[in-house]
PDB file of all heavy atoms in Angstrom:
ATOM      1  N   TYR A   1      78.705  86.864 130.308  1.00  0.00           N
ATOM      2  CA  TYR A   1      77.693  86.821 131.337  1.00  0.00           C
ATOM      3  C   TYR A   1      76.435  86.047 130.969  1.00  0.00           C
ATOM      4  O   TYR A   1      75.563  85.863 131.823  1.00  0.00           O
ATOM      5  CB  TYR A   1      77.360  88.265 131.793  1.00  0.00           C
ATOM      6  CG  TYR A   1      78.504  88.888 132.555  1.00  0.00           C
ATOM      7  CD1 TYR A   1      79.365  89.787 131.928  1.00  0.00           C
ATOM      8  CD2 TYR A   1      78.748  88.520 133.869  1.00  0.00           C
ATOM      9  CE1 TYR A   1      80.443  90.313 132.617  1.00  0.00           C
ATOM     10  CE2 TYR A   1      79.809  89.051 134.545  1.00  0.00           C
ATOM     11  CZ  TYR A   1      80.646  89.948 133.924  1.00  0.00           C
ATOM     12  OH  TYR A   1      81.733  90.477 134.619  1.00  0.00           O
ATOM     13  N   MET A   2      76.331  85.589 129.714  1.00  0.00           N
ATOM     14  CA  MET A   2      75.200  84.746 129.367  1.00  0.00           C
ATOM     15  C   MET A   2      75.524  83.262 129.520  1.00  0.00           C
ATOM     16  O   MET A   2      74.689  82.436 129.271  1.00  0.00           O
ATOM     17  CB  MET A   2      74.778  85.058 127.903  1.00  0.00           C
ATOM     18  CG  MET A   2      74.151  86.397 127.688  1.00  0.00           C
ATOM     19  SD  MET A   2      72.692  86.692 128.719  1.00  0.00           S
ATOM     20  CE  MET A   2      71.511  85.663 127.846  1.00  0.00           C
ATOM     21  N   GLN A   3      76.767  82.964 129.960  1.00  0.00           N
ATOM     22  CA  GLN A   3      77.125  81.569 130.216  1.00  0.00           C
ATOM     23  C   GLN A   3      76.431  81.052 131.465  1.00  0.00           C
ATOM     24  O   GLN A   3      76.162  81.808 132.392  1.00  0.00           O
ATOM     25  CB  GLN A   3      78.642  81.456 130.402  1.00  0.00           C
ATOM     26  CG  GLN A   3      79.464  81.745 129.216  1.00  0.00           C
ATOM     27  CD  GLN A   3      80.941  81.558 129.528  1.00  0.00           C
ATOM     28  OE1 GLN A   3      81.429  80.440 129.461  1.00  0.00           O
ATOM     29  NE2 GLN A   3      81.641  82.618 129.902  1.00  0.00           N
ATOM     30  N   PRO A   4      76.188  79.735 131.546  1.00  0.00           N
ATOM     31  CA  PRO A   4      75.707  79.170 132.804  1.00  0.00           C
ATOM     32  C   PRO A   4      76.716  79.378 133.904  1.00  0.00           C
ATOM     33  O   PRO A   4      77.894  79.427 133.655  1.00  0.00           O
ATOM     34  CB  PRO A   4      75.542  77.659 132.469  1.00  0.00           C
ATOM     35  CG  PRO A   4      75.539  77.591 131.009  1.00  0.00           C
ATOM     36  CD  PRO A   4      76.339  78.722 130.490  1.00  0.00           C
ATOM     37  N   LYS A   5      76.234  79.511 135.140  1.00  0.00           N
ATOM     38  CA  LYS A   5      77.095  79.771 136.299  1.00  0.00           C
ATOM     39  C   LYS A   5      78.179  78.705 136.437  1.00  0.00           C
ATOM     40  O   LYS A   5      79.303  78.980 136.790  1.00  0.00           O
ATOM     41  CB  LYS A   5      76.238  79.793 137.578  1.00  0.00           C
ATOM     42  CG  LYS A   5      77.044  80.170 138.820  1.00  0.00           C
ATOM     43  CD  LYS A   5      76.162  80.162 140.026  1.00  0.00           C
ATOM     44  CE  LYS A   5      76.968  80.375 141.290  1.00  0.00           C
ATOM     45  NZ  LYS A   5      76.154  80.339 142.522  1.00  0.00           N
ATOM     46  N   SER A   6      77.863  77.440 136.142  1.00  0.00           N
ATOM     47  CA  SER A   6      78.804  76.364 136.332  1.00  0.00           C
ATOM     48  C   SER A   6      80.015  76.461 135.400  1.00  0.00           C
ATOM     49  O   SER A   6      81.061  75.886 135.654  1.00  0.00           O
ATOM     50  CB  SER A   6      78.108  75.007 136.081  1.00  0.00           C
ATOM     51  OG  SER A   6      77.589  74.967 134.780  1.00  0.00           O
ATOM     52  N   SER A   7      79.883  77.221 134.305  1.00  0.00           N
ATOM     53  CA  SER A   7      80.990  77.270 133.345  1.00  0.00           C
ATOM     54  C   SER A   7      81.913  78.448 133.569  1.00  0.00           C
ATOM     55  O   SER A   7      82.881  78.630 132.885  1.00  0.00           O
ATOM     56  CB  SER A   7      80.438  77.342 131.910  1.00  0.00           C
ATOM     57  OG  SER A   7      79.749  78.551 131.714  1.00  0.00           O
ATOM     58  N   HIS A   8      81.628  79.302 134.564  1.00  0.00           N
ATOM     59  CA  HIS A   8      82.461  80.464 134.866  1.00  0.00           C
ATOM     60  C   HIS A   8      83.808  80.026 135.406  1.00  0.00           C
ATOM     61  O   HIS A   8      83.938  78.992 136.096  1.00  0.00           O
ATOM     62  CB  HIS A   8      81.769  81.399 135.851  1.00  0.00           C
ATOM     63  CG  HIS A   8      80.815  82.345 135.201  1.00  0.00           C
ATOM     64  ND1 HIS A   8      81.190  83.358 134.314  1.00  0.00           N
ATOM     65  CD2 HIS A   8      79.457  82.405 135.243  1.00  0.00           C
ATOM     66  CE1 HIS A   8      80.158  84.007 133.928  1.00  0.00           C
ATOM     67  NE2 HIS A   8      79.083  83.462 134.458  1.00  0.00           N
ATOM     68  N   CYS A   9      84.824  80.836 135.147  1.00  0.00           N
ATOM     69  CA  CYS A   9      86.177  80.627 135.619  1.00  0.00           C
ATOM     70  C   CYS A   9      86.830  79.420 134.960  1.00  0.00           C
ATOM     71  O   CYS A   9      87.754  78.814 135.508  1.00  0.00           O
ATOM     72  CB  CYS A   9      86.246  80.496 137.127  1.00  0.00           C
ATOM     73  SG  CYS A   9      85.787  82.041 137.971  1.00  0.00           S
ATOM     74  N   THR A  10      86.321  79.023 133.814  1.00  0.00           N
ATOM     75  CA  THR A  10      86.969  77.968 133.050  1.00  0.00           C
ATOM     76  C   THR A  10      87.976  78.631 132.117  1.00  0.00           C
ATOM     77  O   THR A  10      88.112  79.847 132.118  1.00  0.00           O
ATOM     78  CB  THR A  10      85.930  77.195 132.201  1.00  0.00           C
ATOM     79  OG1 THR A  10      85.277  78.121 131.344  1.00  0.00           O
ATOM     80  CG2 THR A  10      84.895  76.528 133.102  1.00  0.00           C
ATOM     81  N   ASP A  11      88.671  77.820 131.305  1.00  0.00           N
ATOM     82  CA  ASP A  11      89.637  78.406 130.360  1.00  0.00           C
ATOM     83  C   ASP A  11      88.962  79.343 129.369  1.00  0.00           C
ATOM     84  O   ASP A  11      89.516  80.390 128.972  1.00  0.00           O
ATOM     85  CB  ASP A  11      90.345  77.291 129.608  1.00  0.00           C
ATOM     86  CG  ASP A  11      91.307  76.531 130.494  1.00  0.00           C
ATOM     87  OD1 ASP A  11      91.716  77.088 131.543  1.00  0.00           O
ATOM     88  OD2 ASP A  11      91.660  75.377 130.170  1.00  0.00           O
ATOM     89  N   THR A  12      87.731  78.973 128.940  1.00  0.00           N
ATOM     90  CA  THR A  12      86.979  79.854 128.014  1.00  0.00           C
ATOM     91  C   THR A  12      86.695  81.174 128.672  1.00  0.00           C
ATOM     92  O   THR A  12      86.796  82.236 128.041  1.00  0.00           O
ATOM     93  CB  THR A  12      85.673  79.160 127.605  1.00  0.00           C
ATOM     94  OG1 THR A  12      85.958  77.893 127.033  1.00  0.00           O
ATOM     95  CG2 THR A  12      84.892  79.995 126.592  1.00  0.00           C
ATOM     96  N   ASP A  13      86.303  81.143 129.949  1.00  0.00           N
ATOM     97  CA  ASP A  13      86.016  82.377 130.694  1.00  0.00           C
ATOM     98  C   ASP A  13      87.247  83.248 130.790  1.00  0.00           C
ATOM     99  O   ASP A  13      87.218  84.448 130.682  1.00  0.00           O
ATOM    100  CB  ASP A  13      85.524  81.975 132.092  1.00  0.00           C
ATOM    101  CG  ASP A  13      84.977  83.154 132.855  1.00  0.00           C
ATOM    102  OD1 ASP A  13      84.283  83.966 132.243  1.00  0.00           O
ATOM    103  OD2 ASP A  13      85.260  83.284 134.046  1.00  0.00           O
ATOM    104  N   LYS A  14      88.417  82.613 131.034  1.00  0.00           N
ATOM    105  CA  LYS A  14      89.676  83.374 131.130  1.00  0.00           C
ATOM    106  C   LYS A  14      90.042  84.029 129.792  1.00  0.00           C
ATOM    107  O   LYS A  14      90.494  85.179 129.782  1.00  0.00           O
ATOM    108  CB  LYS A  14      90.826  82.452 131.567  1.00  0.00           C
ATOM    109  CG  LYS A  14      90.753  82.048 133.038  1.00  0.00           C
ATOM    110  CD  LYS A  14      91.940  81.167 133.424  1.00  0.00           C
ATOM    111  CE  LYS A  14      91.830  80.708 134.880  1.00  0.00           C
ATOM    112  NZ  LYS A  14      92.981  79.846 135.253  1.00  0.00           N
ATOM    113  N   VAL A  15      89.849  83.289 128.695  1.00  0.00           N
ATOM    114  CA  VAL A  15      90.143  83.858 127.397  1.00  0.00           C
ATOM    115  C   VAL A  15      89.262  85.080 127.103  1.00  0.00           C
ATOM    116  O   VAL A  15      89.771  86.136 126.646  1.00  0.00           O
ATOM    117  CB  VAL A  15      89.948  82.809 126.290  1.00  0.00           C
ATOM    118  CG1 VAL A  15      90.043  83.431 124.888  1.00  0.00           C
ATOM    119  CG2 VAL A  15      90.997  81.702 126.416  1.00  0.00           C
ATOM    120  N   ALA A  16      87.970  84.981 127.431  1.00  0.00           N
ATOM    121  CA  ALA A  16      87.053  86.087 127.245  1.00  0.00           C
ATOM    122  C   ALA A  16      87.450  87.277 128.132  1.00  0.00           C
ATOM    123  O   ALA A  16      87.415  88.456 127.727  1.00  0.00           O
ATOM    124  CB  ALA A  16      85.622  85.671 127.553  1.00  0.00           C
ATOM    125  N   SER A  17      87.879  86.976 129.368  1.00  0.00           N
ATOM    126  CA  SER A  17      88.310  87.991 130.292  1.00  0.00           C
ATOM    127  C   SER A  17      89.561  88.707 129.801  1.00  0.00           C
ATOM    128  O   SER A  17      89.681  89.936 129.881  1.00  0.00           O
ATOM    129  CB  SER A  17      88.597  87.417 131.694  1.00  0.00           C
ATOM    130  OG  SER A  17      87.410  86.906 132.270  1.00  0.00           O
ATOM    131  N   ILE A  18      90.506  87.933 129.269  1.00  0.00           N
ATOM    132  CA  ILE A  18      91.736  88.551 128.685  1.00  0.00           C
ATOM    133  C   ILE A  18      91.343  89.468 127.534  1.00  0.00           C
ATOM    134  O   ILE A  18      91.889  90.579 127.415  1.00  0.00           O
ATOM    135  CB  ILE A  18      92.655  87.427 128.152  1.00  0.00           C
ATOM    136  CG1 ILE A  18      93.289  86.647 129.314  1.00  0.00           C
ATOM    137  CG2 ILE A  18      93.756  88.010 127.280  1.00  0.00           C
ATOM    138  CD1 ILE A  18      93.974  85.363 128.877  1.00  0.00           C
ATOM    139  N   PHE A  19      90.368  89.055 126.785  1.00  0.00           N
ATOM    140  CA  PHE A  19      89.997  89.836 125.590  1.00  0.00           C
ATOM    141  C   PHE A  19      89.406  91.188 126.005  1.00  0.00           C
ATOM    142  O   PHE A  19      89.820  92.228 125.477  1.00  0.00           O
ATOM    143  CB  PHE A  19      88.974  89.071 124.735  1.00  0.00           C
ATOM    144  CG  PHE A  19      88.781  89.648 123.370  1.00  0.00           C
ATOM    145  CD1 PHE A  19      89.753  89.450 122.402  1.00  0.00           C
ATOM    146  CD2 PHE A  19      87.697  90.408 123.051  1.00  0.00           C
ATOM    147  CE1 PHE A  19      89.597  89.978 121.112  1.00  0.00           C
ATOM    148  CE2 PHE A  19      87.536  90.965 121.779  1.00  0.00           C
ATOM    149  CZ  PHE A  19      88.485  90.735 120.830  1.00  0.00           C
ATOM    150  N   TYR A  20      88.509  91.229 126.972  1.00  0.00           N
ATOM    151  CA  TYR A  20      87.922  92.508 127.328  1.00  0.00           C
ATOM    152  C   TYR A  20      88.692  93.293 128.357  1.00  0.00           C
ATOM    153  O   TYR A  20      88.465  94.521 128.481  1.00  0.00           O
ATOM    154  CB  TYR A  20      86.419  92.372 127.725  1.00  0.00           C
ATOM    155  CG  TYR A  20      86.088  91.972 129.126  1.00  0.00           C
ATOM    156  CD1 TYR A  20      86.059  92.930 130.136  1.00  0.00           C
ATOM    157  CD2 TYR A  20      85.753  90.675 129.446  1.00  0.00           C
ATOM    158  CE1 TYR A  20      85.714  92.555 131.422  1.00  0.00           C
ATOM    159  CE2 TYR A  20      85.402  90.303 130.733  1.00  0.00           C
ATOM    160  CZ  TYR A  20      85.401  91.276 131.727  1.00  0.00           C
ATOM    161  OH  TYR A  20      85.060  90.910 132.997  1.00  0.00           O
ATOM    162  N   THR A  21      89.615  92.677 129.100  1.00  0.00           N
ATOM    163  CA  THR A  21      90.422  93.457 130.052  1.00  0.00           C
ATOM    164  C   THR A  21      91.723  93.969 129.472  1.00  0.00           C
ATOM    165  O   THR A  21      92.244  94.963 129.937  1.00  0.00           O
ATOM    166  CB  THR A  21      90.766  92.622 131.317  1.00  0.00           C
ATOM    167  OG1 THR A  21      91.459  91.427 130.938  1.00  0.00           O
ATOM    168  CG2 THR A  21      89.494  92.252 132.078  1.00  0.00           C
ATOM    169  N   LEU A  22      92.240  93.286 128.457  1.00  0.00           N
ATOM    170  CA  LEU A  22      93.556  93.646 127.909  1.00  0.00           C
ATOM    171  C   LEU A  22      93.532  93.948 126.396  1.00  0.00           C
ATOM    172  O   LEU A  22      94.153  94.919 125.971  1.00  0.00           O
ATOM    173  CB  LEU A  22      94.575  92.534 128.193  1.00  0.00           C
ATOM    174  CG  LEU A  22      94.875  92.298 129.686  1.00  0.00           C
ATOM    175  CD1 LEU A  22      95.711  91.017 129.856  1.00  0.00           C
ATOM    176  CD2 LEU A  22      95.609  93.491 130.292  1.00  0.00           C
ATOM    177  N   VAL A  23      92.833  93.101 125.634  1.00  0.00           N
ATOM    178  CA  VAL A  23      92.865  93.258 124.161  1.00  0.00           C
ATOM    179  C   VAL A  23      92.030  94.449 123.708  1.00  0.00           C
ATOM    180  O   VAL A  23      92.463  95.250 122.900  1.00  0.00           O
ATOM    181  CB  VAL A  23      92.462  91.953 123.481  1.00  0.00           C
ATOM    182  CG1 VAL A  23      92.462  92.135 121.951  1.00  0.00           C
ATOM    183  CG2 VAL A  23      93.418  90.820 123.857  1.00  0.00           C
ATOM    184  N   ILE A  24      90.773  94.549 124.224  1.00  0.00           N
ATOM    185  CA  ILE A  24      89.927  95.637 123.805  1.00  0.00           C
ATOM    186  C   ILE A  24      90.502  97.013 124.122  1.00  0.00           C
ATOM    187  O   ILE A  24      90.469  97.906 123.277  1.00  0.00           O
ATOM    188  CB  ILE A  24      88.502  95.462 124.406  1.00  0.00           C
ATOM    189  CG1 ILE A  24      87.775  94.294 123.702  1.00  0.00           C
ATOM    190  CG2 ILE A  24      87.659  96.751 124.261  1.00  0.00           C
ATOM    191  CD1 ILE A  24      86.407  93.992 124.256  1.00  0.00           C
ATOM    192  N   PRO A  25      91.045  97.233 125.344  1.00  0.00           N
ATOM    193  CA  PRO A  25      91.671  98.563 125.622  1.00  0.00           C
ATOM    194  C   PRO A  25      92.848  98.864 124.677  1.00  0.00           C
ATOM    195  O   PRO A  25      93.114 100.039 124.439  1.00  0.00           O
ATOM    196  CB  PRO A  25      92.146  98.404 127.075  1.00  0.00           C
ATOM    197  CG  PRO A  25      91.289  97.390 127.665  1.00  0.00           C
ATOM    198  CD  PRO A  25      91.015  96.404 126.576  1.00  0.00           C
ATOM    199  N   MET A  26      93.494  97.823 124.155  1.00  0.00           N
ATOM    200  CA  MET A  26      94.540  98.032 123.166  1.00  0.00           C
ATOM    201  C   MET A  26      93.959  98.383 121.786  1.00  0.00           C
ATOM    202  O   MET A  26      94.470  99.258 121.076  1.00  0.00           O
ATOM    203  CB  MET A  26      95.434  96.785 123.052  1.00  0.00           C
ATOM    204  CG  MET A  26      96.512  96.894 121.992  1.00  0.00           C
ATOM    205  SD  MET A  26      97.307  95.325 121.585  1.00  0.00           S
ATOM    206  CE  MET A  26      95.976  94.445 120.733  1.00  0.00           C
ATOM    207  N   LEU A  27      92.865  97.691 121.431  1.00  0.00           N
ATOM    208  CA  LEU A  27      92.280  97.881 120.095  1.00  0.00           C
ATOM    209  C   LEU A  27      91.558  99.233 119.925  1.00  0.00           C
ATOM    210  O   LEU A  27      91.592  99.814 118.850  1.00  0.00           O
ATOM    211  CB  LEU A  27      91.274  96.760 119.827  1.00  0.00           C
ATOM    212  CG  LEU A  27      91.833  95.336 119.603  1.00  0.00           C
ATOM    213  CD1 LEU A  27      90.704  94.354 119.422  1.00  0.00           C
ATOM    214  CD2 LEU A  27      92.790  95.312 118.433  1.00  0.00           C
ATOM    215  N   ASN A  28      90.909  99.737 120.988  1.00  0.00           N
ATOM    216  CA  ASN A  28      90.103 100.952 120.879  1.00  0.00           C
ATOM    217  C   ASN A  28      90.849 102.149 120.293  1.00  0.00           C
ATOM    218  O   ASN A  28      90.405 102.746 119.338  1.00  0.00           O
ATOM    219  CB  ASN A  28      89.438 101.276 122.191  1.00  0.00           C
ATOM    220  CG  ASN A  28      88.284 100.374 122.520  1.00  0.00           C
ATOM    221  OD1 ASN A  28      87.868  99.556 121.712  1.00  0.00           O
ATOM    222  ND2 ASN A  28      87.751 100.477 123.733  1.00  0.00           N
ATOM    223  N   PRO A  29      92.031 102.512 120.877  1.00  0.00           N
ATOM    224  CA  PRO A  29      92.731 103.654 120.251  1.00  0.00           C
ATOM    225  C   PRO A  29      93.230 103.359 118.852  1.00  0.00           C
ATOM    226  O   PRO A  29      93.305 104.253 118.016  1.00  0.00           O
ATOM    227  CB  PRO A  29      93.920 103.874 121.220  1.00  0.00           C
ATOM    228  CG  PRO A  29      94.049 102.628 122.023  1.00  0.00           C
ATOM    229  CD  PRO A  29      92.674 102.038 122.080  1.00  0.00           C
ATOM    230  N   LEU A  30      93.575 102.079 118.566  1.00  0.00           N
ATOM    231  CA  LEU A  30      93.992 101.703 117.202  1.00  0.00           C
ATOM    232  C   LEU A  30      92.840 101.858 116.249  1.00  0.00           C
ATOM    233  O   LEU A  30      93.015 102.380 115.111  1.00  0.00           O
ATOM    234  CB  LEU A  30      94.535 100.261 117.191  1.00  0.00           C
ATOM    235  CG  LEU A  30      95.780  99.992 117.979  1.00  0.00           C
ATOM    236  CD1 LEU A  30      96.141  98.480 117.936  1.00  0.00           C
ATOM    237  CD2 LEU A  30      96.953 100.827 117.447  1.00  0.00           C
ATOM    238  N   ILE A  31      91.619 101.418 116.636  1.00  0.00           N
ATOM    239  CA  ILE A  31      90.442 101.526 115.767  1.00  0.00           C
ATOM    240  C   ILE A  31      90.163 103.014 115.456  1.00  0.00           C
ATOM    241  O   ILE A  31      89.904 103.360 114.297  1.00  0.00           O
ATOM    242  CB  ILE A  31      89.223 100.877 116.424  1.00  0.00           C
ATOM    243  CG1 ILE A  31      89.394  99.316 116.478  1.00  0.00           C
ATOM    244  CG2 ILE A  31      87.944 101.229 115.682  1.00  0.00           C
ATOM    245  CD1 ILE A  31      88.383  98.602 117.336  1.00  0.00           C
ATOM    246  N   TYR A  32      90.201 103.834 116.510  1.00  0.00           N
ATOM    247  CA  TYR A  32      89.870 105.261 116.301  1.00  0.00           C
ATOM    248  C   TYR A  32      90.968 105.999 115.536  1.00  0.00           C
ATOM    249  O   TYR A  32      90.668 106.945 114.829  1.00  0.00           O
ATOM    250  CB  TYR A  32      89.623 105.937 117.659  1.00  0.00           C
ATOM    251  CG  TYR A  32      88.176 105.767 118.102  1.00  0.00           C
ATOM    252  CD1 TYR A  32      87.833 104.806 119.068  1.00  0.00           C
ATOM    253  CD2 TYR A  32      87.137 106.522 117.588  1.00  0.00           C
ATOM    254  CE1 TYR A  32      86.557 104.637 119.476  1.00  0.00           C
ATOM    255  CE2 TYR A  32      85.840 106.368 117.987  1.00  0.00           C
ATOM    256  CZ  TYR A  32      85.542 105.427 118.936  1.00  0.00           C
ATOM    257  OH  TYR A  32      84.243 105.255 119.335  1.00  0.00           O
ATOM    258  N   SER A  33      92.217 105.579 115.688  1.00  0.00           N
ATOM    259  CA  SER A  33      93.285 106.285 114.985  1.00  0.00           C
ATOM    260  C   SER A  33      93.402 105.819 113.553  1.00  0.00           C
ATOM    261  O   SER A  33      93.749 106.603 112.656  1.00  0.00           O
ATOM    262  CB  SER A  33      94.627 106.077 115.696  1.00  0.00           C
ATOM    263  OG  SER A  33      94.966 104.708 115.739  1.00  0.00           O
ATOM    264  N   LEU A  34      93.069 104.571 113.245  1.00  0.00           N
ATOM    265  CA  LEU A  34      93.189 104.049 111.899  1.00  0.00           C
ATOM    266  C   LEU A  34      91.962 104.372 111.034  1.00  0.00           C
ATOM    267  O   LEU A  34      92.070 104.523 109.836  1.00  0.00           O
ATOM    268  CB  LEU A  34      93.399 102.523 111.918  1.00  0.00           C
ATOM    269  CG  LEU A  34      94.734 102.064 112.508  1.00  0.00           C
ATOM    270  CD1 LEU A  34      94.759 100.527 112.630  1.00  0.00           C
ATOM    271  CD2 LEU A  34      95.934 102.529 111.698  1.00  0.00           C
ATOM    272  N   ARG A  35      90.772 104.456 111.662  1.00  0.00           N
ATOM    273  CA  ARG A  35      89.545 104.629 110.912  1.00  0.00           C
ATOM    274  C   ARG A  35      89.069 106.083 110.914  1.00  0.00           C
ATOM    275  O   ARG A  35      88.130 106.430 110.202  1.00  0.00           O
ATOM    276  CB  ARG A  35      88.422 103.753 111.493  1.00  0.00           C
ATOM    277  CG  ARG A  35      88.643 102.274 111.253  1.00  0.00           C
ATOM    278  CD  ARG A  35      87.482 101.479 111.836  1.00  0.00           C
ATOM    279  NE  ARG A  35      86.207 101.866 111.276  1.00  0.00           N
ATOM    280  CZ  ARG A  35      85.682 101.329 110.184  1.00  0.00           C
ATOM    281  NH1 ARG A  35      86.321 100.371 109.549  1.00  0.00           N
ATOM    282  NH2 ARG A  35      84.517 101.754 109.726  1.00  0.00           N
ATOM    283  N   ASN A  36      89.678 106.949 111.718  1.00  0.00           N
ATOM    284  CA  ASN A  36      89.195 108.319 111.860  1.00  0.00           C
ATOM    285  C   ASN A  36      90.168 109.316 111.244  1.00  0.00           C
ATOM    286  O   ASN A  36      91.300 109.426 111.701  1.00  0.00           O
ATOM    287  CB  ASN A  36      88.974 108.598 113.362  1.00  0.00           C
ATOM    288  CG  ASN A  36      88.264 109.897 113.605  1.00  0.00           C
ATOM    289  OD1 ASN A  36      88.765 110.955 113.285  1.00  0.00           O
ATOM    290  ND2 ASN A  36      87.063 109.822 114.155  1.00  0.00           N
ATOM    291  N   LYS A  37      89.703 110.033 110.242  1.00  0.00           N
ATOM    292  CA  LYS A  37      90.569 110.979 109.541  1.00  0.00           C
ATOM    293  C   LYS A  37      91.009 112.128 110.444  1.00  0.00           C
ATOM    294  O   LYS A  37      92.178 112.572 110.371  1.00  0.00           O
ATOM    295  CB  LYS A  37      89.884 111.518 108.288  1.00  0.00           C
ATOM    296  CG  LYS A  37      89.727 110.532 107.186  1.00  0.00           C
ATOM    297  CD  LYS A  37      89.085 111.131 105.955  1.00  0.00           C
ATOM    298  CE  LYS A  37      88.934 110.113 104.826  1.00  0.00           C
ATOM    299  NZ  LYS A  37      88.309 110.729 103.628  1.00  0.00           N
ATOM    300  N   ASP A  38      90.086 112.619 111.274  1.00  0.00           N
ATOM    301  CA  ASP A  38      90.427 113.742 112.161  1.00  0.00           C
ATOM    302  C   ASP A  38      91.539 113.388 113.121  1.00  0.00           C
ATOM    303  O   ASP A  38      92.478 114.176 113.367  1.00  0.00           O
ATOM    304  CB  ASP A  38      89.200 114.196 112.972  1.00  0.00           C
ATOM    305  CG  ASP A  38      88.121 114.785 112.118  1.00  0.00           C
ATOM    306  OD1 ASP A  38      88.514 115.300 111.027  1.00  0.00           O
ATOM    307  OD2 ASP A  38      86.962 114.786 112.525  1.00  0.00           O
TER     308      ASP A  38
END
């Protein structure tokens, strides 16, 4: 969201969107299960 408006919906924007819509939800439970002893 700090990108200029003209650069939205480019390939870079799509990659960032993939990361926070699909990759981060996958990583969060892995991070908490691998780093948390409880």
